[in-house]
PDB file of N, CA and C in Angstrom:
ATOM      1  N   MET A   1     -21.074  58.613  18.608  1.00  0.00           N
ATOM      2  CA  MET A   1     -21.453  57.223  17.460  1.00  0.00           C
ATOM      3  C   MET A   1     -21.189  58.354  16.015  1.00  0.00           C
ATOM      4  N   VAL A   2     -20.953  57.564  14.900  1.00  0.00           N
ATOM      5  CA  VAL A   2     -21.747  58.671  13.439  1.00  0.00           C
ATOM      6  C   VAL A   2     -21.761  57.519  12.529  1.00  0.00           C
ATOM      7  N   GLU A   3     -23.133  57.851  11.855  1.00  0.00           N
ATOM      8  CA  GLU A   3     -23.608  57.031  11.000  1.00  0.00           C
ATOM      9  C   GLU A   3     -22.327  56.958  10.184  1.00  0.00           C
ATOM     10  N   GLY A   4     -22.532  55.891   9.352  1.00  0.00           N
ATOM     11  CA  GLY A   4     -21.422  55.218   8.309  1.00  0.00           C
ATOM     12  C   GLY A   4     -21.460  53.739   7.364  1.00  0.00           C
ATOM     13  N   PRO A   5     -21.670  53.597   6.184  1.00  0.00           N
ATOM     14  CA  PRO A   5     -21.343  52.528   5.645  1.00  0.00           C
ATOM     15  C   PRO A   5     -20.766  50.948   6.510  1.00  0.00           C
ATOM     16  N   ASP A   6     -19.883  52.109   6.791  1.00  0.00           N
ATOM     17  CA  ASP A   6     -19.133  50.427   6.897  1.00  0.00           C
ATOM     18  C   ASP A   6     -18.678  50.100   8.586  1.00  0.00           C
ATOM     19  N   GLY A   7     -20.032  51.240   9.439  1.00  0.00           N
ATOM     20  CA  GLY A   7     -20.008  50.743  10.606  1.00  0.00           C
ATOM     21  C   GLY A   7     -20.964  49.719  10.932  1.00  0.00           C
ATOM     22  N   GLU A   8     -21.293  49.356  12.257  1.00  0.00           N
ATOM     23  CA  GLU A   8     -22.065  48.193  12.684  1.00  0.00           C
ATOM     24  C   GLU A   8     -23.093  48.628  12.606  1.00  0.00           C
ATOM     25  N   CYS A   9     -24.247  47.654  12.919  1.00  0.00           N
ATOM     26  CA  CYS A   9     -25.861  47.962  12.968  1.00  0.00           C
ATOM     27  C   CYS A   9     -25.868  47.225  14.211  1.00  0.00           C
ATOM     28  N   LEU A  10     -26.764  47.230  15.242  1.00  0.00           N
ATOM     29  CA  LEU A  10     -27.281  47.157  16.763  1.00  0.00           C
ATOM     30  C   LEU A  10     -27.205  46.037  16.279  1.00  0.00           C
ATOM     31  N   ASP A  11     -27.816  44.497  15.839  1.00  0.00           N
ATOM     32  CA  ASP A  11     -27.647  43.636  15.699  1.00  0.00           C
ATOM     33  C   ASP A  11     -26.168  43.272  16.053  1.00  0.00           C
ATOM     34  N   ASP A  12     -25.369  43.553  14.982  1.00  0.00           N
ATOM     35  CA  ASP A  12     -23.654  43.445  15.549  1.00  0.00           C
ATOM     36  C   ASP A  12     -23.176  43.645  16.296  1.00  0.00           C
ATOM     37  N   MET A  13     -23.880  44.855  17.439  1.00  0.00           N
ATOM     38  CA  MET A  13     -23.503  44.690  18.622  1.00  0.00           C
ATOM     39  C   MET A  13     -23.983  44.456  19.895  1.00  0.00           C
ATOM     40  N   ILE A  14     -25.210  44.040  19.930  1.00  0.00           N
ATOM     41  CA  ILE A  14     -25.813  43.111  20.719  1.00  0.00           C
ATOM     42  C   ILE A  14     -24.954  41.680  20.389  1.00  0.00           C
ATOM     43  N   GLN A  15     -24.922  40.815  18.928  1.00  0.00           N
ATOM     44  CA  GLN A  15     -24.429  39.762  18.682  1.00  0.00           C
ATOM     45  C   GLN A  15     -22.692  39.987  19.997  1.00  0.00           C
ATOM     46  N   SER A  16     -21.862  41.074  19.845  1.00  0.00           N
ATOM     47  CA  SER A  16     -20.852  41.258  20.124  1.00  0.00           C
ATOM     48  C   SER A  16     -21.124  41.261  21.659  1.00  0.00           C
ATOM     49  N   ILE A  17     -21.868  41.918  22.485  1.00  0.00           N
ATOM     50  CA  ILE A  17     -21.781  41.958  23.570  1.00  0.00           C
ATOM     51  C   ILE A  17     -22.784  40.354  24.107  1.00  0.00           C
ATOM     52  N   ALA A  18     -23.234  39.879  23.434  1.00  0.00           N
ATOM     53  CA  ALA A  18     -23.782  38.360  24.107  1.00  0.00           C
ATOM     54  C   ALA A  18     -22.668  37.398  24.072  1.00  0.00           C
ATOM     55  N   LYS A  19     -21.476  37.636  23.099  1.00  0.00           N
ATOM     56  CA  LYS A  19     -20.496  36.646  23.307  1.00  0.00           C
ATOM     57  C   LYS A  19     -19.550  36.893  24.580  1.00  0.00           C
ATOM     58  N   LEU A  20     -19.733  37.744  25.173  1.00  0.00           N
ATOM     59  CA  LEU A  20     -19.323  38.035  26.329  1.00  0.00           C
ATOM     60  C   LEU A  20     -19.667  37.703  27.862  1.00  0.00           C
ATOM     61  N   LEU A  21     -20.788  37.464  26.982  1.00  0.00           N
ATOM     62  CA  LEU A  21     -21.613  37.111  28.746  1.00  0.00           C
ATOM     63  C   LEU A  21     -21.306  35.638  28.745  1.00  0.00           C
ATOM     64  N   LEU A  22     -20.684  35.289  29.788  1.00  0.00           N
ATOM     65  CA  LEU A  22     -20.288  34.170  30.059  1.00  0.00           C
ATOM     66  C   LEU A  22     -21.727  32.824  30.045  1.00  0.00           C
ATOM     67  N   ARG A  23     -22.213  33.492  31.318  1.00  0.00           N
ATOM     68  CA  ARG A  23     -23.617  32.791  31.778  1.00  0.00           C
ATOM     69  C   ARG A  23     -24.909  33.075  31.085  1.00  0.00           C
ATOM     70  N   GLU A  24     -25.968  31.922  31.066  1.00  0.00           N
ATOM     71  CA  GLU A  24     -27.139  31.662  30.167  1.00  0.00           C
ATOM     72  C   GLU A  24     -27.887  32.444  31.453  1.00  0.00           C
ATOM     73  N   ALA A  25     -27.508  33.120  32.264  1.00  0.00           N
ATOM     74  CA  ALA A  25     -28.388  33.734  33.115  1.00  0.00           C
ATOM     75  C   ALA A  25     -28.274  35.034  32.794  1.00  0.00           C
ATOM     76  N   ALA A  26     -26.747  35.750  32.267  1.00  0.00           N
ATOM     77  CA  ALA A  26     -26.575  37.063  32.005  1.00  0.00           C
ATOM     78  C   ALA A  26     -26.675  37.121  30.724  1.00  0.00           C
ATOM     79  N   ARG A  27     -26.695  36.221  29.624  1.00  0.00           N
ATOM     80  CA  ARG A  27     -27.478  36.478  28.508  1.00  0.00           C
ATOM     81  C   ARG A  27     -28.886  36.716  28.392  1.00  0.00           C
ATOM     82  N   ARG A  28     -29.541  35.928  29.619  1.00  0.00           N
ATOM     83  CA  ARG A  28     -31.303  36.029  29.676  1.00  0.00           C
ATOM     84  C   ARG A  28     -31.042  37.360  29.431  1.00  0.00           C
ATOM     85  N   SER A  29     -30.493  38.006  30.819  1.00  0.00           N
ATOM     86  CA  SER A  29     -31.072  38.858  31.620  1.00  0.00           C
ATOM     87  C   SER A  29     -30.551  40.302  30.608  1.00  0.00           C
ATOM     88  N   PHE A  30     -29.903  40.392  29.128  1.00  0.00           N
ATOM     89  CA  PHE A  30     -29.046  41.264  28.459  1.00  0.00           C
ATOM     90  C   PHE A  30     -30.348  40.736  27.453  1.00  0.00           C
ATOM     91  N   GLU A  31     -30.977  39.858  27.335  1.00  0.00           N
ATOM     92  CA  GLU A  31     -32.090  39.495  26.074  1.00  0.00           C
ATOM     93  C   GLU A  31     -33.474  40.550  26.674  1.00  0.00           C
ATOM     94  N   ASN A  32     -33.679  40.109  28.213  1.00  0.00           N
ATOM     95  CA  ASN A  32     -34.547  41.138  28.886  1.00  0.00           C
ATOM     96  C   ASN A  32     -34.891  42.038  28.664  1.00  0.00           C
ATOM     97  N   ALA A  33     -33.523  42.595  29.115  1.00  0.00           N
ATOM     98  CA  ALA A  33     -33.151  44.569  28.775  1.00  0.00           C
ATOM     99  C   ALA A  33     -33.510  44.992  28.012  1.00  0.00           C
ATOM    100  N   LEU A  34     -33.362  44.092  26.510  1.00  0.00           N
ATOM    101  CA  LEU A  34     -33.206  44.268  25.098  1.00  0.00           C
ATOM    102  C   LEU A  34     -35.044  44.784  24.934  1.00  0.00           C
ATOM    103  N   LEU A  35     -35.577  43.524  25.536  1.00  0.00           N
ATOM    104  CA  LEU A  35     -37.029  43.315  25.166  1.00  0.00           C
ATOM    105  C   LEU A  35     -37.724  44.288  25.876  1.00  0.00           C
ATOM    106  N   ARG A  36     -37.354  45.076  27.197  1.00  0.00           N
ATOM    107  CA  ARG A  36     -38.012  46.197  28.124  1.00  0.00           C
ATOM    108  C   ARG A  36     -37.586  47.302  27.210  1.00  0.00           C
ATOM    109  N   ARG A  37     -36.986  47.496  26.678  1.00  0.00           N
ATOM    110  CA  ARG A  37     -36.778  48.380  25.940  1.00  0.00           C
ATOM    111  C   ARG A  37     -37.080  49.133  24.636  1.00  0.00           C
ATOM    112  N   GLY A  38     -37.969  47.748  24.251  1.00  0.00           N
ATOM    113  CA  GLY A  38     -39.056  47.744  23.157  1.00  0.00           C
ATOM    114  C   GLY A  38     -38.346  47.222  21.520  1.00  0.00           C
ATOM    115  N   LEU A  39     -37.041  46.561  21.906  1.00  0.00           N
ATOM    116  CA  LEU A  39     -36.402  45.520  20.926  1.00  0.00           C
ATOM    117  C   LEU A  39     -36.571  44.727  20.416  1.00  0.00           C
ATOM    118  N   MET A  40     -37.748  43.803  19.702  1.00  0.00           N
ATOM    119  CA  MET A  40     -37.908  42.453  19.385  1.00  0.00           C
ATOM    120  C   MET A  40     -37.131  41.689  18.676  1.00  0.00           C
ATOM    121  N   PRO A  41     -36.599  40.878  19.029  1.00  0.00           N
ATOM    122  CA  PRO A  41     -36.080  40.220  18.102  1.00  0.00           C
ATOM    123  C   PRO A  41     -35.961  39.969  17.062  1.00  0.00           C
ATOM    124  N   ASP A  42     -37.575  40.141  16.139  1.00  0.00           N
ATOM    125  CA  ASP A  42     -37.551  39.870  15.132  1.00  0.00           C
ATOM    126  C   ASP A  42     -37.858  40.780  14.273  1.00  0.00           C
ATOM    127  N   ASP A  43     -37.017  41.907  14.809  1.00  0.00           N
ATOM    128  CA  ASP A  43     -37.543  43.238  14.400  1.00  0.00           C
ATOM    129  C   ASP A  43     -35.933  43.743  13.301  1.00  0.00           C
ATOM    130  N   ALA A  44     -36.275  42.963  12.223  1.00  0.00           N
ATOM    131  CA  ALA A  44     -34.985  42.967  11.341  1.00  0.00           C
ATOM    132  C   ALA A  44     -34.599  44.518  11.033  1.00  0.00           C
ATOM    133  N   THR A  45     -35.601  45.649  11.015  1.00  0.00           N
ATOM    134  CA  THR A  45     -35.308  46.944  10.384  1.00  0.00           C
ATOM    135  C   THR A  45     -34.943  47.453  11.884  1.00  0.00           C
ATOM    136  N   ALA A  46     -35.006  47.563  13.252  1.00  0.00           N
ATOM    137  CA  ALA A  46     -34.457  48.419  13.862  1.00  0.00           C
ATOM    138  C   ALA A  46     -32.774  47.510  14.592  1.00  0.00           C
ATOM    139  N   ARG A  47     -32.778  46.078  14.052  1.00  0.00           N
ATOM    140  CA  ARG A  47     -31.839  45.936  14.215  1.00  0.00           C
ATOM    141  C   ARG A  47     -30.377  46.171  13.303  1.00  0.00           C
ATOM    142  N   SER A  48     -30.682  46.129  11.976  1.00  0.00           N
ATOM    143  CA  SER A  48     -29.743  46.063  11.093  1.00  0.00           C
ATOM    144  C   SER A  48     -30.125  47.717  10.063  1.00  0.00           C
ATOM    145  N   THR A  49     -30.364  48.291  10.582  1.00  0.00           N
ATOM    146  CA  THR A  49     -30.362  49.952  10.264  1.00  0.00           C
ATOM    147  C   THR A  49     -30.285  50.969  11.636  1.00  0.00           C
ATOM    148  N   PRO A  50     -29.500  52.069  11.683  1.00  0.00           N
ATOM    149  CA  PRO A  50     -29.212  52.815  10.913  1.00  0.00           C
ATOM    150  C   PRO A  50     -27.384  51.654  11.354  1.00  0.00           C
ATOM    151  N   ARG A  51     -26.342  51.888  10.226  1.00  0.00           N
ATOM    152  CA  ARG A  51     -25.060  51.208  10.720  1.00  0.00           C
ATOM    153  C   ARG A  51     -24.000  52.357  11.108  1.00  0.00           C
ATOM    154  N   ALA A  52     -23.455  51.952  12.280  1.00  0.00           N
ATOM    155  CA  ALA A  52     -22.954  53.115  12.842  1.00  0.00           C
ATOM    156  C   ALA A  52     -21.173  52.901  13.598  1.00  0.00           C
ATOM    157  N   LEU A  53     -20.173  54.046  13.533  1.00  0.00           N
ATOM    158  CA  LEU A  53     -19.180  53.598  13.966  1.00  0.00           C
ATOM    159  C   LEU A  53     -19.028  54.353  15.400  1.00  0.00           C
ATOM    160  N   ILE A  54     -17.849  53.760  16.198  1.00  0.00           N
ATOM    161  CA  ILE A  54     -17.580  54.670  17.494  1.00  0.00           C
ATOM    162  C   ILE A  54     -16.824  55.378  17.417  1.00  0.00           C
ATOM    163  N   ARG A  55     -16.976  56.860  17.428  1.00  0.00           N
ATOM    164  CA  ARG A  55     -16.349  57.757  17.055  1.00  0.00           C
ATOM    165  C   ARG A  55     -15.192  57.876  18.775  1.00  0.00           C
ATOM    166  N   SER A  56     -15.902  58.099  19.793  1.00  0.00           N
ATOM    167  CA  SER A  56     -14.852  57.423  21.006  1.00  0.00           C
ATOM    168  C   SER A  56     -16.650  56.962  22.583  1.00  0.00           C
ATOM    169  N   LEU A  57     -15.066  56.166  23.498  1.00  0.00           N
ATOM    170  CA  LEU A  57     -16.481  55.278  24.030  1.00  0.00           C
ATOM    171  C   LEU A  57     -15.662  56.346  25.475  1.00  0.00           C
ATOM    172  N   LYS A  58     -16.729  56.698  26.637  1.00  0.00           N
ATOM    173  CA  LYS A  58     -16.483  57.305  27.444  1.00  0.00           C
ATOM    174  C   LYS A  58     -17.150  56.331  28.988  1.00  0.00           C
ATOM    175  N   ALA A  59     -17.136  55.710  29.907  1.00  0.00           N
ATOM    176  CA  ALA A  59     -17.595  55.420  30.823  1.00  0.00           C
ATOM    177  C   ALA A  59     -17.686  56.561  32.001  1.00  0.00           C
ATOM    178  N   PHE A  60     -18.288  56.121  32.836  1.00  0.00           N
ATOM    179  CA  PHE A  60     -19.031  57.274  33.932  1.00  0.00           C
ATOM    180  C   PHE A  60     -19.383  56.142  35.332  1.00  0.00           C
ATOM    181  N   PRO A  61     -18.883  56.512  36.171  1.00  0.00           N
ATOM    182  CA  PRO A  61     -19.094  55.576  37.772  1.00  0.00           C
ATOM    183  C   PRO A  61     -20.439  56.565  38.090  1.00  0.00           C
ATOM    184  N   VAL A  62     -21.385  55.642  38.497  1.00  0.00           N
ATOM    185  CA  VAL A  62     -22.793  55.908  39.155  1.00  0.00           C
ATOM    186  C   VAL A  62     -22.339  55.779  40.346  1.00  0.00           C
ATOM    187  N   ASN A  63     -22.020  57.157  41.289  1.00  0.00           N
ATOM    188  CA  ASN A  63     -21.601  57.259  42.467  1.00  0.00           C
ATOM    189  C   ASN A  63     -22.114  58.462  43.050  1.00  0.00           C
ATOM    190  N   VAL A  64     -21.708  58.944  44.039  1.00  0.00           N
ATOM    191  CA  VAL A  64     -22.607  60.238  44.899  1.00  0.00           C
ATOM    192  C   VAL A  64     -21.749  61.334  43.955  1.00  0.00           C
ATOM    193  N   SER A  65     -21.454  61.575  43.060  1.00  0.00           N
ATOM    194  CA  SER A  65     -20.632  62.489  42.754  1.00  0.00           C
ATOM    195  C   SER A  65     -21.560  62.398  41.384  1.00  0.00           C
ATOM    196  N   PHE A  66     -21.935  61.654  40.866  1.00  0.00           N
ATOM    197  CA  PHE A  66     -22.800  61.413  39.548  1.00  0.00           C
ATOM    198  C   PHE A  66     -24.223  62.015  39.032  1.00  0.00           C
ATOM    199  N   PRO A  67     -24.237  62.646  39.010  1.00  0.00           N
ATOM    200  CA  PRO A  67     -26.191  63.666  38.502  1.00  0.00           C
ATOM    201  C   PRO A  67     -26.632  62.397  38.533  1.00  0.00           C
ATOM    202  N   ARG A  68     -28.187  61.761  39.373  1.00  0.00           N
ATOM    203  CA  ARG A  68     -28.800  60.740  39.143  1.00  0.00           C
ATOM    204  C   ARG A  68     -29.916  61.068  40.244  1.00  0.00           C
ATOM    205  N   LEU A  69     -30.819  60.391  39.727  1.00  0.00           N
ATOM    206  CA  LEU A  69     -32.286  60.509  40.442  1.00  0.00           C
ATOM    207  C   LEU A  69     -32.244  59.471  40.989  1.00  0.00           C
ATOM    208  N   VAL A  70     -32.322  59.251  42.578  1.00  0.00           N
ATOM    209  CA  VAL A  70     -32.200  58.510  44.222  1.00  0.00           C
ATOM    210  C   VAL A  70     -33.353  58.189  44.018  1.00  0.00           C
ATOM    211  N   ARG A  71     -34.600  56.320  44.362  1.00  0.00           N
ATOM    212  CA  ARG A  71     -35.843  56.705  44.210  1.00  0.00           C
ATOM    213  C   ARG A  71     -35.620  57.002  46.099  1.00  0.00           C
ATOM    214  N   SER A  72     -34.507  57.008  46.838  1.00  0.00           N
ATOM    215  CA  SER A  72     -34.549  57.770  48.098  1.00  0.00           C
ATOM    216  C   SER A  72     -35.319  59.070  48.691  1.00  0.00           C
ATOM    217  N   SER A  73     -34.394  59.939  47.631  1.00  0.00           N
ATOM    218  CA  SER A  73     -35.134  61.222  47.607  1.00  0.00           C
ATOM    219  C   SER A  73     -35.934  61.863  46.383  1.00  0.00           C
ATOM    220  N   VAL A  74     -36.783  61.252  45.981  1.00  0.00           N
ATOM    221  CA  VAL A  74     -38.228  60.956  44.957  1.00  0.00           C
ATOM    222  C   VAL A  74     -39.504  61.122  45.845  1.00  0.00           C
ATOM    223  N   PRO A  75     -40.336  61.644  45.988  1.00  0.00           N
ATOM    224  CA  PRO A  75     -41.359  61.928  46.386  1.00  0.00           C
ATOM    225  C   PRO A  75     -42.441  60.269  45.945  1.00  0.00           C
ATOM    226  N   SER A  76     -42.972  58.900  46.366  1.00  0.00           N
ATOM    227  CA  SER A  76     -43.335  58.365  46.211  1.00  0.00           C
ATOM    228  C   SER A  76     -44.512  58.556  44.927  1.00  0.00           C
ATOM    229  N   ALA A  77     -45.497  59.491  44.927  1.00  0.00           N
ATOM    230  CA  ALA A  77     -46.186  59.894  43.755  1.00  0.00           C
ATOM    231  C   ALA A  77     -45.418  59.376  42.662  1.00  0.00           C
ATOM    232  N   VAL A  78     -44.090  60.033  42.768  1.00  0.00           N
ATOM    233  CA  VAL A  78     -43.774  60.225  40.887  1.00  0.00           C
ATOM    234  C   VAL A  78     -43.374  58.684  40.817  1.00  0.00           C
ATOM    235  N   ILE A  79     -44.041  58.267  39.768  1.00  0.00           N
ATOM    236  CA  ILE A  79     -43.984  56.511  39.967  1.00  0.00           C
ATOM    237  C   ILE A  79     -43.468  56.443  38.594  1.00  0.00           C
ATOM    238  N   GLU A  80     -42.937  57.829  37.531  1.00  0.00           N
ATOM    239  CA  GLU A  80     -41.908  57.502  36.443  1.00  0.00           C
ATOM    240  C   GLU A  80     -41.091  58.353  35.910  1.00  0.00           C
ATOM    241  N   ALA A  81     -39.697  59.053  35.765  1.00  0.00           N
ATOM    242  CA  ALA A  81     -39.006  59.570  35.215  1.00  0.00           C
ATOM    243  C   ALA A  81     -38.322  59.635  34.453  1.00  0.00           C
ATOM    244  N   GLU A  82     -37.728  60.754  33.825  1.00  0.00           N
ATOM    245  CA  GLU A  82     -36.432  60.910  32.853  1.00  0.00           C
ATOM    246  C   GLU A  82     -35.885  61.487  32.628  1.00  0.00           C
ATOM    247  N   TYR A  83     -34.517  61.906  32.403  1.00  0.00           N
ATOM    248  CA  TYR A  83     -34.027  63.118  32.644  1.00  0.00           C
ATOM    249  C   TYR A  83     -32.698  62.796  31.335  1.00  0.00           C
ATOM    250  N   LEU A  84     -31.840  63.774  31.127  1.00  0.00           N
ATOM    251  CA  LEU A  84     -31.549  63.743  29.676  1.00  0.00           C
ATOM    252  C   LEU A  84     -29.815  64.621  30.738  1.00  0.00           C
ATOM    253  N   LEU A  85     -28.581  63.713  30.479  1.00  0.00           N
ATOM    254  CA  LEU A  85     -27.374  64.885  30.614  1.00  0.00           C
ATOM    255  C   LEU A  85     -26.776  65.102  29.455  1.00  0.00           C
ATOM    256  N   GLU A  86     -26.137  66.334  29.693  1.00  0.00           N
ATOM    257  CA  GLU A  86     -24.991  67.088  28.691  1.00  0.00           C
ATOM    258  C   GLU A  86     -23.594  66.257  29.559  1.00  0.00           C
ATOM    259  N   LEU A  87     -23.336  65.515  28.836  1.00  0.00           N
ATOM    260  CA  LEU A  87     -21.810  64.441  28.928  1.00  0.00           C
ATOM    261  C   LEU A  87     -20.639  65.029  29.019  1.00  0.00           C
ATOM    262  N   ARG A  88     -20.223  66.277  27.795  1.00  0.00           N
ATOM    263  CA  ARG A  88     -19.460  67.454  27.889  1.00  0.00           C
ATOM    264  C   ARG A  88     -19.210  67.577  29.494  1.00  0.00           C
ATOM    265  N   ALA A  89     -20.366  68.292  30.014  1.00  0.00           N
ATOM    266  CA  ALA A  89     -20.294  69.125  31.769  1.00  0.00           C
ATOM    267  C   ALA A  89     -19.585  67.937  32.272  1.00  0.00           C
ATOM    268  N   LEU A  90     -19.603  66.503  32.067  1.00  0.00           N
ATOM    269  CA  LEU A  90     -19.093  65.400  32.716  1.00  0.00           C
ATOM    270  C   LEU A  90     -18.154  64.876  32.595  1.00  0.00           C
ATOM    271  N   ASP A  91     -17.163  65.215  31.819  1.00  0.00           N
ATOM    272  CA  ASP A  91     -15.652  65.031  31.187  1.00  0.00           C
ATOM    273  C   ASP A  91     -14.852  64.854  32.593  1.00  0.00           C
ATOM    274  N   HIS A  92     -15.219  65.632  33.151  1.00  0.00           N
ATOM    275  CA  HIS A  92     -14.234  65.586  34.797  1.00  0.00           C
ATOM    276  C   HIS A  92     -14.791  63.980  35.422  1.00  0.00           C
ATOM    277  N   LEU A  93     -15.331  63.040  35.281  1.00  0.00           N
ATOM    278  CA  LEU A  93     -15.877  62.420  35.916  1.00  0.00           C
ATOM    279  C   LEU A  93     -16.241  61.190  35.589  1.00  0.00           C
ATOM    280  N   SER A  94     -15.576  61.289  34.081  1.00  0.00           N
ATOM    281  CA  SER A  94     -15.167  60.007  33.369  1.00  0.00           C
ATOM    282  C   SER A  94     -13.903  58.944  33.743  1.00  0.00           C
ATOM    283  N   VAL A  95     -14.092  57.321  33.438  1.00  0.00           N
ATOM    284  CA  VAL A  95     -13.441  56.419  33.602  1.00  0.00           C
ATOM    285  C   VAL A  95     -13.011  56.365  32.387  1.00  0.00           C
ATOM    286  N   GLU A  96     -11.614  55.529  32.679  1.00  0.00           N
ATOM    287  CA  GLU A  96     -11.508  54.257  31.099  1.00  0.00           C
ATOM    288  C   GLU A  96     -12.491  53.221  31.441  1.00  0.00           C
ATOM    289  N   ALA A  97     -12.924  53.327  29.343  1.00  0.00           N
ATOM    290  CA  ALA A  97     -14.051  52.029  29.441  1.00  0.00           C
ATOM    291  C   ALA A  97     -13.856  51.212  29.399  1.00  0.00           C
ATOM    292  N   ASP A  98     -12.447  50.600  29.423  1.00  0.00           N
ATOM    293  CA  ASP A  98     -12.128  49.199  29.319  1.00  0.00           C
ATOM    294  C   ASP A  98     -11.726  48.599  30.716  1.00  0.00           C
ATOM    295  N   ALA A  99     -11.476  49.896  31.850  1.00  0.00           N
ATOM    296  CA  ALA A  99     -11.578  48.959  33.092  1.00  0.00           C
ATOM    297  C   ALA A  99     -13.200  48.729  33.281  1.00  0.00           C
ATOM    298  N   VAL A 100     -14.728  49.644  33.276  1.00  0.00           N
ATOM    299  CA  VAL A 100     -15.350  49.852  33.328  1.00  0.00           C
ATOM    300  C   VAL A 100     -16.023  48.513  32.668  1.00  0.00           C
ATOM    301  N   LEU A 101     -15.705  48.344  31.273  1.00  0.00           N
ATOM    302  CA  LEU A 101     -16.237  47.092  30.780  1.00  0.00           C
ATOM    303  C   LEU A 101     -15.630  45.050  31.343  1.00  0.00           C
ATOM    304  N   SER A 102     -14.279  45.501  31.440  1.00  0.00           N
ATOM    305  CA  SER A 102     -14.231  44.309  32.448  1.00  0.00           C
ATOM    306  C   SER A 102     -14.020  44.296  33.556  1.00  0.00           C
ATOM    307  N   ALA A 103     -15.055  44.813  34.465  1.00  0.00           N
ATOM    308  CA  ALA A 103     -15.224  44.902  35.416  1.00  0.00           C
ATOM    309  C   ALA A 103     -16.826  44.375  35.762  1.00  0.00           C
ATOM    310  N   PHE A 104     -17.368  45.034  34.416  1.00  0.00           N
ATOM    311  CA  PHE A 104     -18.725  44.458  34.518  1.00  0.00           C
ATOM    312  C   PHE A 104     -19.080  42.633  33.491  1.00  0.00           C
ATOM    313  N   ALA A 105     -18.141  42.781  33.067  1.00  0.00           N
ATOM    314  CA  ALA A 105     -17.609  41.259  31.821  1.00  0.00           C
ATOM    315  C   ALA A 105     -17.265  39.976  33.831  1.00  0.00           C
ATOM    316  N   GLU A 106     -16.008  40.753  34.404  1.00  0.00           N
ATOM    317  CA  GLU A 106     -16.176  40.002  35.393  1.00  0.00           C
ATOM    318  C   GLU A 106     -17.270  39.148  36.324  1.00  0.00           C
ATOM    319  N   GLN A 107     -18.097  40.545  36.568  1.00  0.00           N
ATOM    320  CA  GLN A 107     -19.714  40.450  37.625  1.00  0.00           C
ATOM    321  C   GLN A 107     -20.608  39.233  37.022  1.00  0.00           C
ATOM    322  N   GLN A 108     -20.109  39.287  35.413  1.00  0.00           N
ATOM    323  CA  GLN A 108     -21.425  37.838  35.416  1.00  0.00           C
ATOM    324  C   GLN A 108     -20.591  36.355  35.086  1.00  0.00           C
TER     325      GLN A 108
END
């Protein structure tokens, strides 16, 4: 994504995604996920700025080939973890984003 005045703000994107979720339970789950990440419904500043344009869209199936933390392989003493991925190094794992979005929408 790149910042630009003609782009969408976070609230625009949220509304677009919410329209795709046909079931009430899916919409509630989406809203709860936003809350868990600290995005409050009344936070107009966070929801309206910045405006961004999508430069490209990639999707990655999270399977055995994808670098990830798996609870069964992490010691129980680790209660929270965070990591960053270099997505350019994972280009060979990317799939068509439309296929992933369609599959997700079908599950809802």
